[in-house]
Amino acid sequence: MSYKVDFKNVSTVGFETSPVADALAGLRANEARYYWNKYKHEFVTVPVSDAPETLAWIEKVLAERQMTFPYKALEVSSFEVDGIKMAYVFYENGLVVNVMYTIEEGGKRAVGFKLSDGMDIPVEFEGKFKFARQKSKLAGTIRGSFFVIKGKY
């Protein structure tokens, strides 16, 4: 069942099992607000079981850096806006991974990582990535990092 993310009334729907459910829901709402303000695009998520191909594509891109995560994936989102394919996965521990892949050759292509407020930096990132901090009314403090995609997907 799909969930249209409401960034005015933040809900933990779909994240009830997460130890950082409120922060993860705030982070999801923060993303929804961004896409609405920039593109007038409604951010919709679905349970991973409804779109396993989205998670598989994200995992394929992550394999470029030999990155795999043992965390339970709760929701995914996949859409195209302004010539950019976007895909998200929200993990139970509070990690959010997104892939931004410009369809046109030579465009920007990157994988972003965001950590929900209250979660520790996962061991997979230690010594590999530096995280910038950003304040959000919806999500508290967001820590984020990224890497540029080199392959074609």
Protein backbone atom coordinates (compact mmCIF):
# COMPACT_ATOMS: atom_id res chain seq x y z
CA MET A 1 0.00 0.00 0.00
CA SER A 2 1.44 3.36 -0.99
CA TYR A 3 1.82 6.25 1.43
CA LYS A 4 1.74 9.86 0.25
CA VAL A 5 4.08 11.56 2.69
CA ASP A 6 2.54 14.53 4.50
CA PHE A 7 5.20 17.04 5.54
CA LYS A 8 2.77 19.15 7.53
CA ASN A 9 1.49 16.35 9.79
CA VAL A 10 4.42 13.98 10.25
CA SER A 11 3.39 10.37 10.72
CA THR A 12 5.38 7.27 11.68
CA VAL A 13 3.19 5.09 9.42
CA GLY A 14 5.38 2.26 8.14
CA PHE A 15 8.14 2.98 10.66
CA GLU A 16 6.53 1.63 13.83
CA THR A 17 9.29 -0.98 14.34
CA SER A 18 12.12 1.55 14.09
CA PRO A 19 13.89 2.55 17.32
CA VAL A 20 14.11 6.08 15.86
CA ALA A 21 10.63 6.11 14.27
CA ASP A 22 9.89 9.78 14.99
CA ALA A 23 13.22 11.00 13.58
CA LEU A 24 12.98 8.68 10.55
CA ALA A 25 9.44 9.91 9.85
CA GLY A 26 10.70 13.49 10.16
CA LEU A 27 13.49 12.73 7.70
CA ARG A 28 10.97 11.23 5.24
CA ALA A 29 8.78 14.33 5.64
CA ASN A 30 11.83 16.56 5.10
CA GLU A 31 12.45 14.82 1.75
CA ALA A 32 8.77 15.19 0.83
CA ARG A 33 8.89 18.91 1.57
CA TYR A 34 12.01 19.32 -0.57
CA TYR A 35 10.45 17.64 -3.63
CA TRP A 36 7.20 19.54 -3.22
CA ASN A 37 8.92 22.92 -2.90
CA LYS A 38 11.42 22.35 -5.73
CA TYR A 39 9.39 20.30 -8.24
CA LYS A 40 5.76 20.26 -6.99
CA HIS A 41 6.20 16.47 -6.84
CA GLU A 42 4.30 14.44 -4.24
CA PHE A 43 6.67 12.07 -2.43
CA VAL A 44 5.14 8.60 -2.19
CA THR A 45 6.65 5.55 -0.49
CA VAL A 46 5.68 1.89 -0.59
CA PRO A 47 6.68 -1.11 1.53
CA VAL A 48 9.75 -2.84 0.11
CA SER A 49 7.63 -5.93 -0.63
CA ASP A 50 5.59 -3.84 -3.11
CA ALA A 51 8.65 -2.68 -5.11
CA PRO A 52 11.60 -5.05 -4.59
CA GLU A 53 13.06 -3.90 -7.92
CA THR A 54 13.70 -0.45 -6.42
CA LEU A 55 15.73 -1.89 -3.56
CA ALA A 56 17.57 -4.20 -6.01
CA TRP A 57 18.54 -1.21 -8.21
CA ILE A 58 19.82 0.77 -5.21
CA GLU A 59 21.81 -2.26 -4.01
CA LYS A 60 23.30 -2.66 -7.50
CA VAL A 61 24.51 0.95 -7.44
CA LEU A 62 25.87 0.53 -3.88
CA ALA A 63 27.86 -2.52 -5.03
CA GLU A 64 30.05 -0.05 -6.97
CA ARG A 65 31.64 0.74 -3.59
CA GLN A 66 31.25 -2.79 -2.20
CA MET A 67 28.58 -1.53 0.19
CA THR A 68 25.90 -3.81 1.55
CA PHE A 69 23.71 -3.18 4.56
CA PRO A 70 22.39 -5.86 6.91
CA TYR A 71 19.55 -3.60 8.07
CA LYS A 72 15.88 -4.26 7.47
CA ALA A 73 14.56 -2.09 4.63
CA LEU A 74 11.07 -0.76 5.46
CA GLU A 75 10.05 1.47 2.56
CA VAL A 76 11.21 2.55 -0.87
CA SER A 77 10.35 5.28 -3.32
CA SER A 78 11.22 5.59 -6.99
CA PHE A 79 10.28 8.36 -9.41
CA GLU A 80 11.55 10.55 -12.20
CA VAL A 81 11.49 14.32 -11.96
CA ASP A 82 13.07 16.92 -14.25
CA GLY A 83 15.12 14.29 -16.12
CA ILE A 84 16.47 12.73 -12.92
CA LYS A 85 15.68 9.23 -11.71
CA MET A 86 15.42 9.21 -7.92
CA ALA A 87 15.23 6.16 -5.67
CA TYR A 88 15.08 5.95 -1.88
CA VAL A 89 15.26 3.23 0.72
CA PHE A 90 14.38 3.82 4.37
CA TYR A 91 15.96 1.34 6.79
CA GLU A 92 14.60 0.36 10.21
CA ASN A 93 17.75 1.58 12.02
CA GLY A 94 17.23 5.15 10.70
CA LEU A 95 19.53 5.08 7.66
CA VAL A 96 18.18 6.56 4.43
CA VAL A 97 19.91 5.90 1.11
CA ASN A 98 18.98 7.76 -2.03
CA VAL A 99 20.24 7.50 -5.59
CA MET A 100 20.10 10.53 -7.87
CA TYR A 101 20.74 9.48 -11.47
CA THR A 102 20.46 12.04 -14.25
CA ILE A 103 19.17 10.22 -17.31
CA GLU A 104 21.03 12.39 -19.82
CA GLU A 105 24.71 11.49 -20.29
CA GLY A 106 27.09 13.77 -18.44
CA GLY A 107 24.52 14.71 -15.77
CA LYS A 108 24.94 14.46 -12.03
CA ARG A 109 24.80 10.97 -10.54
CA ALA A 110 25.32 10.28 -6.86
CA VAL A 111 24.34 8.17 -3.87
CA GLY A 112 23.36 10.06 -0.75
CA PHE A 113 23.25 8.82 2.83
CA LYS A 114 21.27 10.43 5.62
CA LEU A 115 21.29 9.40 9.25
CA SER A 116 18.23 9.99 11.41
CA ASP A 117 18.62 12.00 14.59
CA GLY A 118 19.50 9.68 17.47
CA MET A 119 21.17 6.89 15.52
CA ASP A 120 24.85 6.01 15.65
CA ILE A 121 26.99 6.13 12.53
CA PRO A 122 26.84 2.60 11.09
CA VAL A 123 30.10 0.63 11.08
CA GLU A 124 29.96 0.46 7.26
CA PHE A 125 30.72 4.21 7.14
CA GLU A 126 33.48 4.46 9.75
CA GLY A 127 36.61 5.91 8.22
CA LYS A 128 35.05 6.09 4.73
CA PHE A 129 32.73 9.07 4.84
CA LYS A 130 32.54 12.40 6.62
CA PHE A 131 29.06 13.55 7.54
CA ALA A 132 27.87 17.13 7.31
CA ARG A 133 25.16 18.28 9.72
CA GLN A 134 21.97 20.04 8.77
CA LYS A 135 19.19 21.29 11.03
CA SER A 136 15.61 20.52 10.07
CA LYS A 137 12.37 21.52 11.78
CA LEU A 138 10.91 18.18 10.69
CA ALA A 139 13.86 15.86 11.32
CA GLY A 140 16.02 17.50 13.99
CA THR A 141 19.69 17.15 13.07
CA ILE A 142 20.32 15.31 9.82
CA ARG A 143 23.80 13.96 9.14
CA GLY A 144 24.51 13.37 5.47
CA SER A 145 27.20 12.25 3.07
CA PHE A 146 27.43 11.03 -0.53
CA PHE A 147 29.57 9.54 -3.25
CA VAL A 148 29.59 10.17 -7.01
CA ILE A 149 28.43 7.25 -9.17
CA LYS A 150 30.99 6.24 -11.79
CA GLY A 151 29.19 3.31 -13.50
CA LYS A 152 26.13 3.19 -15.74
CA TYR A 153 22.92 1.83 -14.32
